[in-house]
Amino acid sequence: MTYEELLIKTAQDNERIIVMTAENRALVRNVSKTLGNRFIDTGITEQTMIGMAAGLALRGRIPIVHALAPFLTMRAFEFIRTDVGIANLPVKLSGYIPGFLSDGNGPTHQAIEDIALMRGIPGMEVFAPADENDLVKMLPAIWQSTAPSYVRINHKPTSFKHQPFEMGKAEIIAKGADVTILVYGFLFEEALKAQEILEEKGIATGLINMRSLQPIDESIVISSAINSKMMVTLEDHFVTGGLYSIVAETLLKNRITADVQPIALNNQWFKPALLNDVLSFEGFTAEKIVEKIETKFHENLKRTYA
């Protein structure tokens, strides 16, 4: 099932759902034919769309809104914070082409601080599916929640079949005593390849699909810190405010010390290009991820036995 098919079926089953877009129809091309006046395109007006969505939510509707992730989370941020967040309304934010998925676009069109922005709003739930299969498994629970939410939409197909989704729970792909990789969103596929390569090299490597970033699965973060020699956070996001920050906050709150290696954008925008070239240039291919992890892991071993 695709995102659009799930959206249409869910809206047909629940008349409270209103589908909205700020002239970003890539995900919802056929929805208007089915929903009629329950499909609203406001034009290139993300702020107006959020204000309208808040008004509809106050009247008992469940708006599912669509826009390019950078414009949804940045241009409309004040409206999301004030109209949706403060009122704690069940507006569902679908951010299209987040992170590296905005491959050919420059900094103005890159959503690589969106997690930090959205999780900074009290009550906002934040999610990042690994692929289309993960997306359609997660969305029913997200749309049923009474809280506002932001979803990094990733509808890229892969062959991986994910486990059922439970709100606030991570997906354990593998456990490893040496290294545990914590990842979310589009980079899951590269992390999966990296995990297999590291295992072949004799480094026992775990892999966790974090899925839900707010609420975060604290138990998984803590167990990874306790049961692995090294943790790695992997994300197409600034190093500040994303998963690395979430892990650090979680460990500090629970007074746990761990060796955590972030692989993220170090406070710089990525160079636009074709997606595979972006990954290669910025160092996010499976092979380059392995190189970074292997180097850090062996450095740690040398310090341990020095």
C-alpha atoms as a PDB file:
ATOM      1  CA  MET A   1       0.000   0.000   0.000  1.00  0.00           C
ATOM      2  CA  THR A   2       1.255   3.507  -0.823  1.00  0.00           C
ATOM      3  CA  TYR A   3       0.986   6.642   1.278  1.00  0.00           C
ATOM      4  CA  GLU A   4      -1.778   8.009  -0.943  1.00  0.00           C
ATOM      5  CA  GLU A   5      -3.755   4.750  -0.885  1.00  0.00           C
ATOM      6  CA  LEU A   6      -3.568   4.635   2.912  1.00  0.00           C
ATOM      7  CA  LEU A   7      -4.586   8.286   3.175  1.00  0.00           C
ATOM      8  CA  ILE A   8      -7.630   7.836   0.912  1.00  0.00           C
ATOM      9  CA  LYS A   9      -8.773   4.682   2.713  1.00  0.00           C
ATOM     10  CA  THR A  10      -8.344   6.271   6.142  1.00  0.00           C
ATOM     11  CA  ALA A  11     -10.219   9.413   5.099  1.00  0.00           C
ATOM     12  CA  GLN A  12     -13.050   7.360   3.602  1.00  0.00           C
ATOM     13  CA  ASP A  13     -13.373   5.495   6.906  1.00  0.00           C
ATOM     14  CA  ASN A  14     -13.220   8.646   9.029  1.00  0.00           C
ATOM     15  CA  GLU A  15     -15.169  11.713   7.897  1.00  0.00           C
ATOM     16  CA  ARG A  16     -13.369  13.911  10.439  1.00  0.00           C
ATOM     17  CA  ILE A  17     -10.208  13.784   8.314  1.00  0.00           C
ATOM     18  CA  ILE A  18      -9.496  16.787   6.087  1.00  0.00           C
ATOM     19  CA  VAL A  19      -6.554  16.579   3.663  1.00  0.00           C
ATOM     20  CA  MET A  20      -4.752  19.847   2.989  1.00  0.00           C
ATOM     21  CA  THR A  21      -1.802  20.956   0.892  1.00  0.00           C
ATOM     22  CA  ALA A  22       0.092  24.149   0.179  1.00  0.00           C
ATOM     23  CA  GLU A  23       0.278  23.436  -3.553  1.00  0.00           C
ATOM     24  CA  ASN A  24       2.389  20.343  -2.902  1.00  0.00           C
ATOM     25  CA  ARG A  25       0.383  17.568  -4.540  1.00  0.00           C
ATOM     26  CA  ALA A  26       3.146  15.047  -5.254  1.00  0.00           C
ATOM     27  CA  LEU A  27       1.899  12.714  -2.517  1.00  0.00           C
ATOM     28  CA  VAL A  28      -1.815  13.390  -2.918  1.00  0.00           C
ATOM     29  CA  ARG A  29      -2.524  13.754  -6.655  1.00  0.00           C
ATOM     30  CA  ASN A  30      -5.664  11.593  -6.615  1.00  0.00           C
ATOM     31  CA  VAL A  31      -7.098  12.544  -3.234  1.00  0.00           C
ATOM     32  CA  SER A  32      -9.275  15.407  -4.481  1.00  0.00           C
ATOM     33  CA  LYS A  33     -11.143  13.055  -6.838  1.00  0.00           C
ATOM     34  CA  THR A  34     -12.216  10.954  -3.868  1.00  0.00           C
ATOM     35  CA  LEU A  35     -12.665  13.444  -1.030  1.00  0.00           C
ATOM     36  CA  GLY A  36     -14.192  16.389  -2.869  1.00  0.00           C
ATOM     37  CA  ASN A  37     -14.541  19.337  -0.497  1.00  0.00           C
ATOM     38  CA  ARG A  38     -12.558  17.503   2.186  1.00  0.00           C
ATOM     39  CA  PHE A  39      -9.452  18.207   0.088  1.00  0.00           C
ATOM     40  CA  ILE A  40      -8.174  21.779   0.351  1.00  0.00           C
ATOM     41  CA  ASP A  41      -5.271  23.305  -1.576  1.00  0.00           C
ATOM     42  CA  THR A  42      -4.429  26.721  -0.122  1.00  0.00           C
ATOM     43  CA  GLY A  43      -1.765  27.499  -2.717  1.00  0.00           C
ATOM     44  CA  ILE A  44       1.796  28.405  -1.771  1.00  0.00           C
ATOM     45  CA  THR A  45       0.690  29.643   1.644  1.00  0.00           C
ATOM     46  CA  GLU A  46       2.006  27.335   4.361  1.00  0.00           C
ATOM     47  CA  GLN A  47       1.167  29.780   7.156  1.00  0.00           C
ATOM     48  CA  THR A  48      -2.415  30.152   5.942  1.00  0.00           C
ATOM     49  CA  MET A  49      -2.741  26.378   5.655  1.00  0.00           C
ATOM     50  CA  ILE A  50      -1.661  25.860   9.283  1.00  0.00           C
ATOM     51  CA  GLY A  51      -4.034  28.581  10.513  1.00  0.00           C
ATOM     52  CA  MET A  52      -6.902  26.964   8.619  1.00  0.00           C
ATOM     53  CA  ALA A  53      -5.925  23.516   9.903  1.00  0.00           C
ATOM     54  CA  ALA A  54      -5.960  24.786  13.493  1.00  0.00           C
ATOM     55  CA  GLY A  55      -9.434  26.247  12.980  1.00  0.00           C
ATOM     56  CA  LEU A  56     -10.708  22.987  11.504  1.00  0.00           C
ATOM     57  CA  ALA A  57      -9.169  21.017  14.394  1.00  0.00           C
ATOM     58  CA  LEU A  58     -10.931  23.294  16.893  1.00  0.00           C
ATOM     59  CA  ARG A  59     -14.162  22.224  15.204  1.00  0.00           C
ATOM     60  CA  GLY A  60     -13.480  18.529  15.614  1.00  0.00           C
ATOM     61  CA  ARG A  61     -11.682  17.781  12.359  1.00  0.00           C
ATOM     62  CA  ILE A  62      -8.363  15.968  11.933  1.00  0.00           C
ATOM     63  CA  PRO A  63      -6.362  17.909   9.328  1.00  0.00           C
ATOM     64  CA  ILE A  64      -3.522  16.068   7.576  1.00  0.00           C
ATOM     65  CA  VAL A  65      -1.453  18.810   5.945  1.00  0.00           C
ATOM     66  CA  HIS A  66       1.240  18.564   3.254  1.00  0.00           C
ATOM     67  CA  ALA A  67       4.076  20.849   2.247  1.00  0.00           C
ATOM     68  CA  LEU A  68       7.771  20.730   1.478  1.00  0.00           C
ATOM     69  CA  ALA A  69       9.490  20.004   4.791  1.00  0.00           C
ATOM     70  CA  PRO A  70      11.660  23.150   4.929  1.00  0.00           C
ATOM     71  CA  PHE A  71       8.722  25.487   4.277  1.00  0.00           C
ATOM     72  CA  LEU A  72       6.362  23.586   6.564  1.00  0.00           C
ATOM     73  CA  THR A  73       8.730  23.583   9.539  1.00  0.00           C
ATOM     74  CA  MET A  74      10.426  26.959   9.033  1.00  0.00           C
ATOM     75  CA  ARG A  75       8.119  29.341   7.145  1.00  0.00           C
ATOM     76  CA  ALA A  76       5.093  28.206   9.155  1.00  0.00           C
ATOM     77  CA  PHE A  77       6.929  27.566  12.435  1.00  0.00           C
ATOM     78  CA  GLU A  78       5.273  30.354  14.428  1.00  0.00           C
ATOM     79  CA  PHE A  79       1.827  29.201  13.290  1.00  0.00           C
ATOM     80  CA  ILE A  80       2.610  25.587  14.198  1.00  0.00           C
ATOM     81  CA  ARG A  81       3.946  26.617  17.604  1.00  0.00           C
ATOM     82  CA  THR A  82       1.188  29.092  18.430  1.00  0.00           C
ATOM     83  CA  ASP A  83      -1.956  27.848  16.685  1.00  0.00           C
ATOM     84  CA  VAL A  84      -1.302  24.104  16.889  1.00  0.00           C
ATOM     85  CA  GLY A  85       1.236  23.515  19.672  1.00  0.00           C
ATOM     86  CA  ILE A  86      -0.073  25.798  22.405  1.00  0.00           C
ATOM     87  CA  ALA A  87      -3.642  24.613  21.769  1.00  0.00           C
ATOM     88  CA  ASN A  88      -2.426  20.974  21.533  1.00  0.00           C
ATOM     89  CA  LEU A  89      -4.549  20.328  18.441  1.00  0.00           C
ATOM     90  CA  PRO A  90      -4.459  17.063  16.434  1.00  0.00           C
ATOM     91  CA  VAL A  91      -3.032  18.615  13.266  1.00  0.00           C
ATOM     92  CA  LYS A  92      -0.898  16.091  11.384  1.00  0.00           C
ATOM     93  CA  LEU A  93       2.083  17.640   9.587  1.00  0.00           C
ATOM     94  CA  SER A  94       3.483  15.715   6.604  1.00  0.00           C
ATOM     95  CA  GLY A  95       6.894  17.084   5.599  1.00  0.00           C
ATOM     96  CA  TYR A  96       7.871  16.149   2.030  1.00  0.00           C
ATOM     97  CA  ILE A  97      11.512  15.655   0.845  1.00  0.00           C
ATOM     98  CA  PRO A  98      13.200  16.108   4.249  1.00  0.00           C
ATOM     99  CA  GLY A  99      16.938  15.699   4.782  1.00  0.00           C
ATOM    100  CA  PHE A 100      18.953  14.246   1.910  1.00  0.00           C
ATOM    101  CA  LEU A 101      15.762  13.487  -0.020  1.00  0.00           C
ATOM    102  CA  SER A 102      15.921  17.147  -1.079  1.00  0.00           C
ATOM    103  CA  ASP A 103      19.113  16.112  -2.853  1.00  0.00           C
ATOM    104  CA  GLY A 104      19.316  18.586  -5.756  1.00  0.00           C
ATOM    105  CA  ASN A 105      18.216  21.616  -3.737  1.00  0.00           C
ATOM    106  CA  GLY A 106      20.357  24.217  -2.012  1.00  0.00           C
ATOM    107  CA  PRO A 107      20.214  25.373   1.624  1.00  0.00           C
ATOM    108  CA  THR A 108      16.897  27.241   1.297  1.00  0.00           C
ATOM    109  CA  HIS A 109      15.168  23.967   0.402  1.00  0.00           C
ATOM    110  CA  GLN A 110      16.991  21.662   2.833  1.00  0.00           C
ATOM    111  CA  ALA A 111      15.133  20.494   5.949  1.00  0.00           C
ATOM    112  CA  ILE A 112      18.050  19.411   8.096  1.00  0.00           C
ATOM    113  CA  GLU A 113      17.024  21.207  11.293  1.00  0.00           C
ATOM    114  CA  ASP A 114      13.377  20.135  11.205  1.00  0.00           C
ATOM    115  CA  ILE A 115      13.649  17.544  13.985  1.00  0.00           C
ATOM    116  CA  ALA A 116      15.186  20.115  16.318  1.00  0.00           C
ATOM    117  CA  LEU A 117      12.487  22.668  15.523  1.00  0.00           C
ATOM    118  CA  MET A 118       9.509  20.341  15.834  1.00  0.00           C
ATOM    119  CA  ARG A 119      10.603  18.542  18.984  1.00  0.00           C
ATOM    120  CA  GLY A 120      11.105  21.944  20.609  1.00  0.00           C
ATOM    121  CA  ILE A 121       7.325  22.465  20.598  1.00  0.00           C
ATOM    122  CA  PRO A 122       5.756  21.036  23.794  1.00  0.00           C
ATOM    123  CA  GLY A 123       3.345  18.205  23.060  1.00  0.00           C
ATOM    124  CA  MET A 124       4.466  17.752  19.437  1.00  0.00           C
ATOM    125  CA  GLU A 125       5.101  14.148  18.416  1.00  0.00           C
ATOM    126  CA  VAL A 126       7.913  13.638  15.885  1.00  0.00           C
ATOM    127  CA  PHE A 127       8.405  10.625  13.612  1.00  0.00           C
ATOM    128  CA  ALA A 128      10.792   9.571  10.846  1.00  0.00           C
ATOM    129  CA  PRO A 129       9.912   6.349   8.979  1.00  0.00           C
ATOM    130  CA  ALA A 130      12.700   4.388   7.313  1.00  0.00           C
ATOM    131  CA  ASP A 131      10.892   3.765   3.996  1.00  0.00           C
ATOM    132  CA  GLU A 132       7.429   3.332   2.506  1.00  0.00           C
ATOM    133  CA  ASN A 133       6.752   0.040   4.296  1.00  0.00           C
ATOM    134  CA  ASP A 134       7.659   1.636   7.616  1.00  0.00           C
ATOM    135  CA  LEU A 135       5.617   4.732   6.763  1.00  0.00           C
ATOM    136  CA  VAL A 136       2.346   2.911   6.140  1.00  0.00           C
ATOM    137  CA  LYS A 137       2.860   0.788   9.273  1.00  0.00           C
ATOM    138  CA  MET A 138       3.372   3.885  11.416  1.00  0.00           C
ATOM    139  CA  LEU A 139       0.767   6.316  10.117  1.00  0.00           C
ATOM    140  CA  PRO A 140      -2.461   4.712  11.421  1.00  0.00           C
ATOM    141  CA  ALA A 141      -1.279   5.098  15.030  1.00  0.00           C
ATOM    142  CA  ILE A 142       0.068   8.590  14.363  1.00  0.00           C
ATOM    143  CA  TRP A 143      -3.179   9.770  12.783  1.00  0.00           C
ATOM    144  CA  GLN A 144      -5.220   8.222  15.632  1.00  0.00           C
ATOM    145  CA  SER A 145      -3.227  10.084  18.291  1.00  0.00           C
ATOM    146  CA  THR A 146      -4.935  13.141  19.747  1.00  0.00           C
ATOM    147  CA  ALA A 147      -1.613  15.027  19.822  1.00  0.00           C
ATOM    148  CA  PRO A 148      -0.154  17.213  17.072  1.00  0.00           C
ATOM    149  CA  SER A 149       2.527  15.452  15.060  1.00  0.00           C
ATOM    150  CA  TYR A 150       5.252  15.985  12.491  1.00  0.00           C
ATOM    151  CA  VAL A 151       6.222  13.158  10.141  1.00  0.00           C
ATOM    152  CA  ARG A 152       9.297  13.174   7.937  1.00  0.00           C
ATOM    153  CA  ILE A 153       7.615  11.619   4.915  1.00  0.00           C
ATOM    154  CA  ASN A 154       9.772   8.939   3.293  1.00  0.00           C
ATOM    155  CA  HIS A 155       7.905   6.960   0.656  1.00  0.00           C
ATOM    156  CA  LYS A 156      10.966   5.430  -1.009  1.00  0.00           C
ATOM    157  CA  PRO A 157      10.334   1.706  -1.515  1.00  0.00           C
ATOM    158  CA  THR A 158      12.775  -0.901  -0.190  1.00  0.00           C
ATOM    159  CA  SER A 159      12.634  -4.676   0.138  1.00  0.00           C
ATOM    160  CA  PHE A 160      12.816  -4.541   3.956  1.00  0.00           C
ATOM    161  CA  LYS A 161       9.686  -5.585   5.857  1.00  0.00           C
ATOM    162  CA  HIS A 162       9.340  -3.742   9.134  1.00  0.00           C
ATOM    163  CA  GLN A 163       7.827  -4.875  12.394  1.00  0.00           C
ATOM    164  CA  PRO A 164       4.449  -3.523  13.536  1.00  0.00           C
ATOM    165  CA  PHE A 165       4.643  -0.022  14.972  1.00  0.00           C
ATOM    166  CA  GLU A 166       3.975   0.885  18.580  1.00  0.00           C
ATOM    167  CA  MET A 167       3.856   4.537  19.598  1.00  0.00           C
ATOM    168  CA  GLY A 168       7.125   5.661  21.182  1.00  0.00           C
ATOM    169  CA  LYS A 169       8.895   2.361  20.517  1.00  0.00           C
ATOM    170  CA  ALA A 170      11.988   1.760  18.410  1.00  0.00           C
ATOM    171  CA  GLU A 171      12.428  -1.208  16.082  1.00  0.00           C
ATOM    172  CA  ILE A 172      15.271  -3.562  17.009  1.00  0.00           C
ATOM    173  CA  ILE A 173      16.834  -4.921  13.815  1.00  0.00           C
ATOM    174  CA  ALA A 174      19.929  -6.509  15.393  1.00  0.00           C
ATOM    175  CA  LYS A 175      21.801  -6.504  18.693  1.00  0.00           C
ATOM    176  CA  GLY A 176      25.566  -6.049  18.943  1.00  0.00           C
ATOM    177  CA  ALA A 177      27.974  -6.091  21.871  1.00  0.00           C
ATOM    178  CA  ASP A 178      30.599  -3.949  20.130  1.00  0.00           C
ATOM    179  CA  VAL A 179      28.648  -1.212  18.332  1.00  0.00           C
ATOM    180  CA  THR A 180      24.997  -0.178  18.150  1.00  0.00           C
ATOM    181  CA  ILE A 181      23.850   2.109  15.331  1.00  0.00           C
ATOM    182  CA  LEU A 182      20.802   4.253  16.075  1.00  0.00           C
ATOM    183  CA  VAL A 183      19.257   5.640  12.896  1.00  0.00           C
ATOM    184  CA  TYR A 184      16.027   7.083  11.551  1.00  0.00           C
ATOM    185  CA  GLY A 185      14.503   7.868   8.197  1.00  0.00           C
ATOM    186  CA  PHE A 186      16.079   7.581   4.770  1.00  0.00           C
ATOM    187  CA  LEU A 187      19.544   6.578   6.063  1.00  0.00           C
ATOM    188  CA  PHE A 188      18.161   3.330   7.481  1.00  0.00           C
ATOM    189  CA  GLU A 189      19.002   1.484   4.248  1.00  0.00           C
ATOM    190  CA  GLU A 190      22.630   2.656   4.338  1.00  0.00           C
ATOM    191  CA  ALA A 191      22.811   1.737   8.028  1.00  0.00           C
ATOM    192  CA  LEU A 192      21.517  -1.757   7.264  1.00  0.00           C
ATOM    193  CA  LYS A 193      24.262  -2.268   4.675  1.00  0.00           C
ATOM    194  CA  ALA A 194      26.851  -0.845   7.072  1.00  0.00           C
ATOM    195  CA  GLN A 195      25.724  -3.209   9.825  1.00  0.00           C
ATOM    196  CA  GLU A 196      26.206  -6.217   7.532  1.00  0.00           C
ATOM    197  CA  ILE A 197      29.694  -5.048   6.487  1.00  0.00           C
ATOM    198  CA  LEU A 198      30.771  -4.470  10.092  1.00  0.00           C
ATOM    199  CA  GLU A 199      29.555  -7.936  11.072  1.00  0.00           C
ATOM    200  CA  GLU A 200      31.649  -9.428   8.251  1.00  0.00           C
ATOM    201  CA  LYS A 201      34.644  -7.550   9.645  1.00  0.00           C
ATOM    202  CA  GLY A 202      34.130  -9.181  13.046  1.00  0.00           C
ATOM    203  CA  ILE A 203      32.597  -6.166  14.798  1.00  0.00           C
ATOM    204  CA  ALA A 204      29.385  -7.274  16.529  1.00  0.00           C
ATOM    205  CA  THR A 205      26.994  -4.533  15.455  1.00  0.00           C
ATOM    206  CA  GLY A 206      23.457  -3.788  16.515  1.00  0.00           C
ATOM    207  CA  LEU A 207      21.005  -1.703  14.523  1.00  0.00           C
ATOM    208  CA  ILE A 208      18.002   0.221  15.853  1.00  0.00           C
ATOM    209  CA  ASN A 209      15.403   1.977  13.696  1.00  0.00           C
ATOM    210  CA  MET A 210      14.403   4.782  16.067  1.00  0.00           C
ATOM    211  CA  ARG A 211      11.180   5.614  14.136  1.00  0.00           C
ATOM    212  CA  SER A 212       9.727   7.742  16.934  1.00  0.00           C
ATOM    213  CA  LEU A 213      11.919  10.665  17.991  1.00  0.00           C
ATOM    214  CA  GLN A 214       9.365  12.258  20.278  1.00  0.00           C
ATOM    215  CA  PRO A 215       8.354  10.340  22.286  1.00  0.00           C
ATOM    216  CA  ILE A 216      11.736   8.620  22.271  1.00  0.00           C
ATOM    217  CA  ASP A 217      12.254   5.004  23.316  1.00  0.00           C
ATOM    218  CA  GLU A 218      14.414   5.709  26.380  1.00  0.00           C
ATOM    219  CA  SER A 219      14.732   2.038  27.272  1.00  0.00           C
ATOM    220  CA  ILE A 220      16.399   1.269  23.930  1.00  0.00           C
ATOM    221  CA  VAL A 221      18.824   4.173  24.282  1.00  0.00           C
ATOM    222  CA  ILE A 222      19.758   3.082  27.799  1.00  0.00           C
ATOM    223  CA  SER A 223      20.140  -0.614  26.949  1.00  0.00           C
ATOM    224  CA  SER A 224      22.281   0.262  23.919  1.00  0.00           C
ATOM    225  CA  ALA A 225      24.550   2.359  26.120  1.00  0.00           C
ATOM    226  CA  ILE A 226      24.868  -0.394  28.706  1.00  0.00           C
ATOM    227  CA  ASN A 227      25.228  -3.377  26.381  1.00  0.00           C
ATOM    228  CA  SER A 228      27.463  -1.969  23.624  1.00  0.00           C
ATOM    229  CA  LYS A 229      31.005  -0.653  23.796  1.00  0.00           C
ATOM    230  CA  MET A 230      30.087   2.190  21.451  1.00  0.00           C
ATOM    231  CA  MET A 231      26.928   3.874  20.180  1.00  0.00           C
ATOM    232  CA  VAL A 232      26.568   5.618  16.819  1.00  0.00           C
ATOM    233  CA  THR A 233      23.822   8.091  15.943  1.00  0.00           C
ATOM    234  CA  LEU A 234      23.295   8.359  12.183  1.00  0.00           C
ATOM    235  CA  GLU A 235      21.060  11.095  10.727  1.00  0.00           C
ATOM    236  CA  ASP A 236      20.653  13.455   7.762  1.00  0.00           C
ATOM    237  CA  HIS A 237      20.223  16.401  10.108  1.00  0.00           C
ATOM    238  CA  PHE A 238      22.432  18.943  11.805  1.00  0.00           C
ATOM    239  CA  VAL A 239      24.354  17.350  14.668  1.00  0.00           C
ATOM    240  CA  THR A 240      22.647  19.870  16.972  1.00  0.00           C
ATOM    241  CA  GLY A 241      19.097  19.168  18.072  1.00  0.00           C
ATOM    242  CA  GLY A 242      18.516  15.828  16.374  1.00  0.00           C
ATOM    243  CA  LEU A 243      19.087  12.228  17.450  1.00  0.00           C
ATOM    244  CA  TYR A 244      22.571  12.859  18.855  1.00  0.00           C
ATOM    245  CA  SER A 245      21.156  15.572  21.119  1.00  0.00           C
ATOM    246  CA  ILE A 246      18.214  13.350  22.082  1.00  0.00           C
ATOM    247  CA  VAL A 247      20.554  10.488  23.043  1.00  0.00           C
ATOM    248  CA  ALA A 248      22.835  12.829  25.010  1.00  0.00           C
ATOM    249  CA  GLU A 249      19.859  14.293  26.903  1.00  0.00           C
ATOM    250  CA  THR A 250      18.513  10.816  27.657  1.00  0.00           C
ATOM    251  CA  LEU A 251      21.828   9.510  28.973  1.00  0.00           C
ATOM    252  CA  LEU A 252      22.488  12.615  31.054  1.00  0.00           C
ATOM    253  CA  LYS A 253      18.997  12.498  32.573  1.00  0.00           C
ATOM    254  CA  ASN A 254      19.570   8.880  33.588  1.00  0.00           C
ATOM    255  CA  ARG A 255      23.160   9.529  34.722  1.00  0.00           C
ATOM    256  CA  ILE A 256      24.616   7.048  32.263  1.00  0.00           C
ATOM    257  CA  THR A 257      28.035   7.465  30.654  1.00  0.00           C
ATOM    258  CA  ALA A 258      28.528   6.114  27.140  1.00  0.00           C
ATOM    259  CA  ASP A 259      30.797   6.485  24.128  1.00  0.00           C
ATOM    260  CA  VAL A 260      28.531   8.049  21.491  1.00  0.00           C
ATOM    261  CA  GLN A 261      29.805   8.830  17.991  1.00  0.00           C
ATOM    262  CA  PRO A 262      27.578  11.140  15.906  1.00  0.00           C
ATOM    263  CA  ILE A 263      27.473  10.839  12.128  1.00  0.00           C
ATOM    264  CA  ALA A 264      25.508  13.886  11.031  1.00  0.00           C
ATOM    265  CA  LEU A 265      25.894  17.183   9.217  1.00  0.00           C
ATOM    266  CA  ASN A 266      28.347  19.106  11.348  1.00  0.00           C
ATOM    267  CA  ASN A 267      26.524  22.435  11.322  1.00  0.00           C
ATOM    268  CA  GLN A 268      26.788  22.869   7.571  1.00  0.00           C
ATOM    269  CA  TRP A 269      24.365  22.403   4.697  1.00  0.00           C
ATOM    270  CA  PHE A 270      24.989  19.610   2.222  1.00  0.00           C
ATOM    271  CA  LYS A 271      26.160  20.225  -1.321  1.00  0.00           C
ATOM    272  CA  PRO A 272      23.244  19.670  -3.737  1.00  0.00           C
ATOM    273  CA  ALA A 273      23.624  16.946  -6.375  1.00  0.00           C
ATOM    274  CA  LEU A 274      22.060  13.630  -7.405  1.00  0.00           C
ATOM    275  CA  LEU A 275      21.158  11.655  -4.276  1.00  0.00           C
ATOM    276  CA  ASN A 276      23.914   9.032  -4.576  1.00  0.00           C
ATOM    277  CA  ASP A 277      26.476  11.776  -5.192  1.00  0.00           C
ATOM    278  CA  VAL A 278      25.256  13.677  -2.122  1.00  0.00           C
ATOM    279  CA  LEU A 279      25.720  10.577   0.021  1.00  0.00           C
ATOM    280  CA  SER A 280      29.189   9.956  -1.370  1.00  0.00           C
ATOM    281  CA  PHE A 281      30.395  13.550  -1.108  1.00  0.00           C
ATOM    282  CA  GLU A 282      29.040  14.075   2.410  1.00  0.00           C
ATOM    283  CA  GLY A 283      30.269  10.680   3.671  1.00  0.00           C
ATOM    284  CA  PHE A 284      26.957   8.901   4.215  1.00  0.00           C
ATOM    285  CA  THR A 285      27.298   5.825   1.998  1.00  0.00           C
ATOM    286  CA  ALA A 286      27.396   2.480   3.801  1.00  0.00           C
ATOM    287  CA  GLU A 287      31.109   2.121   3.034  1.00  0.00           C
ATOM    288  CA  LYS A 288      31.968   5.561   4.410  1.00  0.00           C
ATOM    289  CA  ILE A 289      29.801   5.003   7.461  1.00  0.00           C
ATOM    290  CA  VAL A 290      31.689   1.752   8.087  1.00  0.00           C
ATOM    291  CA  GLU A 291      35.030   3.540   7.725  1.00  0.00           C
ATOM    292  CA  LYS A 292      34.074   6.151  10.324  1.00  0.00           C
ATOM    293  CA  ILE A 293      32.747   3.578  12.778  1.00  0.00           C
ATOM    294  CA  GLU A 294      35.659   1.175  12.323  1.00  0.00           C
ATOM    295  CA  THR A 295      38.231   3.934  12.844  1.00  0.00           C
ATOM    296  CA  LYS A 296      36.558   5.192  16.018  1.00  0.00           C
ATOM    297  CA  PHE A 297      35.989   1.675  17.369  1.00  0.00           C
ATOM    298  CA  HIS A 298      39.652   0.684  16.994  1.00  0.00           C
ATOM    299  CA  GLU A 299      40.797   3.993  18.500  1.00  0.00           C
ATOM    300  CA  ASN A 300      38.646   3.222  21.534  1.00  0.00           C
ATOM    301  CA  LEU A 301      40.111  -0.281  21.806  1.00  0.00           C
ATOM    302  CA  LYS A 302      43.647   1.109  21.765  1.00  0.00           C
ATOM    303  CA  ARG A 303      42.803   3.537  24.559  1.00  0.00           C
ATOM    304  CA  THR A 304      41.170   0.767  26.581  1.00  0.00           C
ATOM    305  CA  TYR A 305      44.212  -1.511  26.434  1.00  0.00           C
ATOM    306  CA  ALA A 306      46.918   1.165  26.442  1.00  0.00           C
END
